[in-house]
Amino acid sequence: MLWIAVALALAQTGSDPDSTLRIDSDRSTQWESGPWRVFPYPDEGTCDLGYSAPNGEYVTIAYSARSKQVRLLITNSNATSKEAGDKVVLNVVFLRGEKMTDLYENTDFETHVQGDTRVFISEALALDFFDAFAANDYLVAMTPHNVGVAALKLSGSSEAVRQLRTCGLRAAGLNPNDPFLK
């Protein structure tokens, strides 16, 4: 049953990786490859890994190496029933082929409003989220009723996560070769 819901979520959110991609940011990228872009924010000691989906929605991973925090940001312009400050619960599913490999069930997100788009920002996630993101083929975020909110194909995510980790360490003023950070 869950696999059917995931397939529907992928179809609903249009995760065709070959479409033209764009990311709107006033920052220059530190690294980019295909749909992936890493943006440094040294004034905040953080970096973001952004992915612009073909349907115009965005998925971002925000990383703070110093505080060891990872947050997932998902936009959805159709979620007009949610207002700034609303809390939502989403299940974040990772797939390798047709097999579900990782599940971040009942993850709390807070709603932010940016123009007509709703941005859902997760609670702090464990650093093992990076491993799931880098090792799988798809990420799907769904409501507890298995309705798709976001989906993306993770081709190239392993290198993207490596670049994000390096960027995050540098933005935090930490040496990526520090043996105590391994």
C-alpha atoms as a PDB file:
ATOM      1  CA  MET A   1       0.000   0.000   0.000  1.00  0.00           C
ATOM      2  CA  LEU A   2       2.801   2.423   0.893  1.00  0.00           C
ATOM      3  CA  TRP A   3       4.569   1.722  -2.417  1.00  0.00           C
ATOM      4  CA  ILE A   4       1.405   2.728  -4.317  1.00  0.00           C
ATOM      5  CA  ALA A   5       1.216   5.960  -2.311  1.00  0.00           C
ATOM      6  CA  VAL A   6       4.887   6.694  -3.033  1.00  0.00           C
ATOM      7  CA  ALA A   7       4.395   6.067  -6.761  1.00  0.00           C
ATOM      8  CA  LEU A   8       1.403   8.410  -6.774  1.00  0.00           C
ATOM      9  CA  ALA A   9       3.385  11.056  -4.871  1.00  0.00           C
ATOM     10  CA  LEU A  10       6.189  10.869  -7.424  1.00  0.00           C
ATOM     11  CA  ALA A  11       3.664  11.273 -10.241  1.00  0.00           C
ATOM     12  CA  GLN A  12       1.819  14.140  -8.509  1.00  0.00           C
ATOM     13  CA  THR A  13       4.942  16.174  -7.840  1.00  0.00           C
ATOM     14  CA  GLY A  14       6.535  15.777 -11.268  1.00  0.00           C
ATOM     15  CA  SER A  15      10.014  14.496 -10.496  1.00  0.00           C
ATOM     16  CA  ASP A  16      11.270  14.308 -14.091  1.00  0.00           C
ATOM     17  CA  PRO A  17      15.008  14.994 -13.681  1.00  0.00           C
ATOM     18  CA  ASP A  18      15.556  16.014 -17.310  1.00  0.00           C
ATOM     19  CA  SER A  19      13.459  19.190 -17.236  1.00  0.00           C
ATOM     20  CA  THR A  20      15.002  22.650 -17.196  1.00  0.00           C
ATOM     21  CA  LEU A  21      16.000  23.570 -13.657  1.00  0.00           C
ATOM     22  CA  ARG A  22      16.552  26.901 -11.985  1.00  0.00           C
ATOM     23  CA  ILE A  23      17.236  28.113  -8.489  1.00  0.00           C
ATOM     24  CA  ASP A  24      16.396  31.632  -7.411  1.00  0.00           C
ATOM     25  CA  SER A  25      19.035  32.851  -4.984  1.00  0.00           C
ATOM     26  CA  ASP A  26      20.852  36.100  -4.412  1.00  0.00           C
ATOM     27  CA  ARG A  27      23.934  34.099  -3.459  1.00  0.00           C
ATOM     28  CA  SER A  28      26.486  32.646  -5.800  1.00  0.00           C
ATOM     29  CA  THR A  29      26.925  28.920  -5.665  1.00  0.00           C
ATOM     30  CA  GLN A  30      29.991  27.312  -4.155  1.00  0.00           C
ATOM     31  CA  TRP A  31      29.385  24.136  -6.134  1.00  0.00           C
ATOM     32  CA  GLU A  32      26.863  22.969  -8.702  1.00  0.00           C
ATOM     33  CA  SER A  33      26.216  19.907 -10.786  1.00  0.00           C
ATOM     34  CA  GLY A  34      23.031  19.199 -12.708  1.00  0.00           C
ATOM     35  CA  PRO A  35      20.092  20.102 -10.477  1.00  0.00           C
ATOM     36  CA  TRP A  36      22.225  20.396  -7.331  1.00  0.00           C
ATOM     37  CA  ARG A  37      23.524  23.717  -5.963  1.00  0.00           C
ATOM     38  CA  VAL A  38      25.461  24.379  -2.747  1.00  0.00           C
ATOM     39  CA  PHE A  39      25.133  27.883  -1.315  1.00  0.00           C
ATOM     40  CA  PRO A  40      27.445  29.094   1.496  1.00  0.00           C
ATOM     41  CA  TYR A  41      26.192  31.423   4.230  1.00  0.00           C
ATOM     42  CA  PRO A  42      29.432  32.172   6.145  1.00  0.00           C
ATOM     43  CA  ASP A  43      27.778  34.984   8.117  1.00  0.00           C
ATOM     44  CA  GLU A  44      25.465  32.314   9.589  1.00  0.00           C
ATOM     45  CA  GLY A  45      28.054  29.517   9.602  1.00  0.00           C
ATOM     46  CA  THR A  46      25.808  27.344   7.431  1.00  0.00           C
ATOM     47  CA  CYS A  47      25.380  26.006   3.908  1.00  0.00           C
ATOM     48  CA  ASP A  48      22.352  24.938   1.898  1.00  0.00           C
ATOM     49  CA  LEU A  49      22.006  22.232  -0.708  1.00  0.00           C
ATOM     50  CA  GLY A  50      19.247  23.256  -3.103  1.00  0.00           C
ATOM     51  CA  TYR A  51      17.336  21.314  -5.728  1.00  0.00           C
ATOM     52  CA  SER A  52      14.810  22.942  -8.031  1.00  0.00           C
ATOM     53  CA  ALA A  53      12.147  20.476  -9.150  1.00  0.00           C
ATOM     54  CA  PRO A  54      10.734  20.601 -12.678  1.00  0.00           C
ATOM     55  CA  ASN A  55       7.345  21.661 -11.301  1.00  0.00           C
ATOM     56  CA  GLY A  56       8.860  24.860  -9.840  1.00  0.00           C
ATOM     57  CA  GLU A  57       9.003  23.637  -6.253  1.00  0.00           C
ATOM     58  CA  TYR A  58      12.214  23.561  -4.204  1.00  0.00           C
ATOM     59  CA  VAL A  59      13.804  21.132  -1.799  1.00  0.00           C
ATOM     60  CA  THR A  60      16.677  22.341   0.350  1.00  0.00           C
ATOM     61  CA  ILE A  61      18.859  20.804   3.022  1.00  0.00           C
ATOM     62  CA  ALA A  62      20.207  23.388   5.467  1.00  0.00           C
ATOM     63  CA  TYR A  63      23.320  22.300   7.366  1.00  0.00           C
ATOM     64  CA  SER A  64      25.106  23.791  10.362  1.00  0.00           C
ATOM     65  CA  ALA A  65      28.324  21.886  11.057  1.00  0.00           C
ATOM     66  CA  ARG A  66      28.992  23.641  14.352  1.00  0.00           C
ATOM     67  CA  SER A  67      25.575  22.826  15.854  1.00  0.00           C
ATOM     68  CA  LYS A  68      25.391  19.514  13.947  1.00  0.00           C
ATOM     69  CA  GLN A  69      21.912  20.342  12.712  1.00  0.00           C
ATOM     70  CA  VAL A  70      20.275  19.347   9.458  1.00  0.00           C
ATOM     71  CA  ARG A  71      16.900  20.709   8.376  1.00  0.00           C
ATOM     72  CA  LEU A  72      14.806  19.825   5.363  1.00  0.00           C
ATOM     73  CA  LEU A  73      12.935  22.644   3.593  1.00  0.00           C
ATOM     74  CA  ILE A  74      10.188  21.829   1.111  1.00  0.00           C
ATOM     75  CA  THR A  75       8.064  24.262  -0.872  1.00  0.00           C
ATOM     76  CA  ASN A  76       4.553  23.559  -2.068  1.00  0.00           C
ATOM     77  CA  SER A  77       2.565  26.315  -3.775  1.00  0.00           C
ATOM     78  CA  ASN A  78      -0.637  24.232  -3.638  1.00  0.00           C
ATOM     79  CA  ALA A  79      -0.756  24.065   0.174  1.00  0.00           C
ATOM     80  CA  THR A  80      -2.830  27.236   0.541  1.00  0.00           C
ATOM     81  CA  SER A  81      -4.726  25.874   3.560  1.00  0.00           C
ATOM     82  CA  LYS A  82      -1.595  26.308   5.693  1.00  0.00           C
ATOM     83  CA  GLU A  83      -0.677  29.630   7.277  1.00  0.00           C
ATOM     84  CA  ALA A  84       2.585  30.905   8.736  1.00  0.00           C
ATOM     85  CA  GLY A  85       3.356  29.125  11.982  1.00  0.00           C
ATOM     86  CA  ASP A  86       1.110  26.121  11.307  1.00  0.00           C
ATOM     87  CA  LYS A  87       2.661  22.814  12.294  1.00  0.00           C
ATOM     88  CA  VAL A  88       2.404  19.870   9.901  1.00  0.00           C
ATOM     89  CA  VAL A  89       3.588  16.289  10.199  1.00  0.00           C
ATOM     90  CA  LEU A  90       5.141  14.592   7.185  1.00  0.00           C
ATOM     91  CA  ASN A  91       6.614  11.179   6.527  1.00  0.00           C
ATOM     92  CA  VAL A  92       9.887  11.394   4.613  1.00  0.00           C
ATOM     93  CA  VAL A  93      10.491   8.180   2.674  1.00  0.00           C
ATOM     94  CA  PHE A  94      13.688   7.157   0.890  1.00  0.00           C
ATOM     95  CA  LEU A  95      13.642   4.556  -1.881  1.00  0.00           C
ATOM     96  CA  ARG A  96      16.344   2.557  -3.603  1.00  0.00           C
ATOM     97  CA  GLY A  97      14.704   1.204  -6.728  1.00  0.00           C
ATOM     98  CA  GLU A  98      11.281   0.049  -5.545  1.00  0.00           C
ATOM     99  CA  LYS A  99      12.431  -0.714  -2.000  1.00  0.00           C
ATOM    100  CA  MET A 100      11.833   1.647   0.914  1.00  0.00           C
ATOM    101  CA  THR A 101      15.164   1.888   2.735  1.00  0.00           C
ATOM    102  CA  ASP A 102      14.711   4.719   5.228  1.00  0.00           C
ATOM    103  CA  LEU A 103      11.671   6.325   6.814  1.00  0.00           C
ATOM    104  CA  TYR A 104      11.596   9.503   8.871  1.00  0.00           C
ATOM    105  CA  GLU A 105       8.085   8.999  10.171  1.00  0.00           C
ATOM    106  CA  ASN A 106       6.020  11.733  11.810  1.00  0.00           C
ATOM    107  CA  THR A 107       8.575  14.469  11.205  1.00  0.00           C
ATOM    108  CA  ASP A 108       7.419  17.876  12.457  1.00  0.00           C
ATOM    109  CA  PHE A 109       7.570  20.800  10.047  1.00  0.00           C
ATOM    110  CA  GLU A 110       6.669  24.454  10.573  1.00  0.00           C
ATOM    111  CA  THR A 111       4.928  26.410   7.833  1.00  0.00           C
ATOM    112  CA  HIS A 112       6.418  29.657   6.535  1.00  0.00           C
ATOM    113  CA  VAL A 113       4.804  31.778   3.833  1.00  0.00           C
ATOM    114  CA  GLN A 114       6.821  33.297   1.018  1.00  0.00           C
ATOM    115  CA  GLY A 115       4.524  35.082  -1.428  1.00  0.00           C
ATOM    116  CA  ASP A 116       1.993  32.496  -2.594  1.00  0.00           C
ATOM    117  CA  THR A 117       4.246  29.568  -1.695  1.00  0.00           C
ATOM    118  CA  ARG A 118       4.306  27.621   1.528  1.00  0.00           C
ATOM    119  CA  VAL A 119       7.711  26.588   2.834  1.00  0.00           C
ATOM    120  CA  PHE A 120       7.762  23.677   5.264  1.00  0.00           C
ATOM    121  CA  ILE A 121      10.843  23.595   7.503  1.00  0.00           C
ATOM    122  CA  SER A 122      11.594  20.437   9.457  1.00  0.00           C
ATOM    123  CA  GLU A 123      12.642  20.069  13.020  1.00  0.00           C
ATOM    124  CA  ALA A 124      16.352  19.344  13.394  1.00  0.00           C
ATOM    125  CA  LEU A 125      17.112  15.950  11.844  1.00  0.00           C
ATOM    126  CA  ALA A 126      19.850  13.517  12.831  1.00  0.00           C
ATOM    127  CA  LEU A 127      23.041  13.646  10.770  1.00  0.00           C
ATOM    128  CA  ASP A 128      22.230  10.163   9.449  1.00  0.00           C
ATOM    129  CA  PHE A 129      19.725  11.955   7.212  1.00  0.00           C
ATOM    130  CA  PHE A 130      22.765  12.770   5.022  1.00  0.00           C
ATOM    131  CA  ASP A 131      23.540   9.079   4.631  1.00  0.00           C
ATOM    132  CA  ALA A 132      19.975   8.267   3.552  1.00  0.00           C
ATOM    133  CA  PHE A 133      19.911  11.237   1.180  1.00  0.00           C
ATOM    134  CA  ALA A 134      23.232  10.247  -0.421  1.00  0.00           C
ATOM    135  CA  ALA A 135      22.553   6.510  -0.729  1.00  0.00           C
ATOM    136  CA  ASN A 136      19.053   6.380  -2.205  1.00  0.00           C
ATOM    137  CA  ASP A 137      17.332   6.961  -5.541  1.00  0.00           C
ATOM    138  CA  TYR A 138      14.256   8.935  -4.427  1.00  0.00           C
ATOM    139  CA  LEU A 139      13.006  11.093  -1.573  1.00  0.00           C
ATOM    140  CA  VAL A 140       9.249  11.455  -1.104  1.00  0.00           C
ATOM    141  CA  ALA A 141       7.566  13.602   1.564  1.00  0.00           C
ATOM    142  CA  MET A 142       3.950  12.657   2.258  1.00  0.00           C
ATOM    143  CA  THR A 143       1.192  13.565   4.658  1.00  0.00           C
ATOM    144  CA  PRO A 144       0.176  10.870   7.160  1.00  0.00           C
ATOM    145  CA  HIS A 145      -2.667  10.113   4.691  1.00  0.00           C
ATOM    146  CA  ASN A 146      -0.096   9.257   1.966  1.00  0.00           C
ATOM    147  CA  VAL A 147      -0.665  12.393  -0.107  1.00  0.00           C
ATOM    148  CA  GLY A 148       2.491  13.618  -1.841  1.00  0.00           C
ATOM    149  CA  VAL A 149       3.925  16.989  -0.811  1.00  0.00           C
ATOM    150  CA  ALA A 150       7.333  16.711  -2.504  1.00  0.00           C
ATOM    151  CA  ALA A 151       9.335  14.139  -4.419  1.00  0.00           C
ATOM    152  CA  LEU A 152      12.698  14.164  -6.089  1.00  0.00           C
ATOM    153  CA  LYS A 153      15.080  11.870  -7.863  1.00  0.00           C
ATOM    154  CA  LEU A 154      18.372  11.747  -5.988  1.00  0.00           C
ATOM    155  CA  SER A 155      20.770  11.119  -8.897  1.00  0.00           C
ATOM    156  CA  GLY A 156      24.047  12.767  -7.958  1.00  0.00           C
ATOM    157  CA  SER A 157      23.042  13.312  -4.340  1.00  0.00           C
ATOM    158  CA  SER A 158      26.083  11.473  -2.953  1.00  0.00           C
ATOM    159  CA  GLU A 159      28.517  14.049  -4.359  1.00  0.00           C
ATOM    160  CA  ALA A 160      26.101  16.860  -3.487  1.00  0.00           C
ATOM    161  CA  VAL A 161      26.040  15.779   0.172  1.00  0.00           C
ATOM    162  CA  ARG A 162      29.842  15.529   0.221  1.00  0.00           C
ATOM    163  CA  GLN A 163      30.064  19.089  -1.123  1.00  0.00           C
ATOM    164  CA  LEU A 164      27.469  20.307   1.411  1.00  0.00           C
ATOM    165  CA  ARG A 165      29.399  18.784   4.320  1.00  0.00           C
ATOM    166  CA  THR A 166      32.650  20.417   3.177  1.00  0.00           C
ATOM    167  CA  CYS A 167      30.916  23.754   2.652  1.00  0.00           C
ATOM    168  CA  GLY A 168      29.269  23.539   6.072  1.00  0.00           C
ATOM    169  CA  LEU A 169      32.566  22.902   7.821  1.00  0.00           C
ATOM    170  CA  ARG A 170      34.261  25.807   6.066  1.00  0.00           C
ATOM    171  CA  ALA A 171      31.317  28.171   6.682  1.00  0.00           C
ATOM    172  CA  ALA A 172      31.504  27.298  10.383  1.00  0.00           C
ATOM    173  CA  GLY A 173      35.242  28.046  10.414  1.00  0.00           C
ATOM    174  CA  LEU A 174      36.117  24.373  10.922  1.00  0.00           C
ATOM    175  CA  ASN A 175      38.894  22.538   9.107  1.00  0.00           C
ATOM    176  CA  PRO A 176      37.439  19.710   6.953  1.00  0.00           C
ATOM    177  CA  ASN A 177      40.595  17.694   7.743  1.00  0.00           C
ATOM    178  CA  ASP A 178      40.127  17.954  11.528  1.00  0.00           C
ATOM    179  CA  PRO A 179      40.415  14.342  12.780  1.00  0.00           C
ATOM    180  CA  PHE A 180      37.903  15.027  15.579  1.00  0.00           C
ATOM    181  CA  LEU A 181      35.162  15.834  13.084  1.00  0.00           C
ATOM    182  CA  LYS A 182      35.170  12.381  11.451  1.00  0.00           C
END
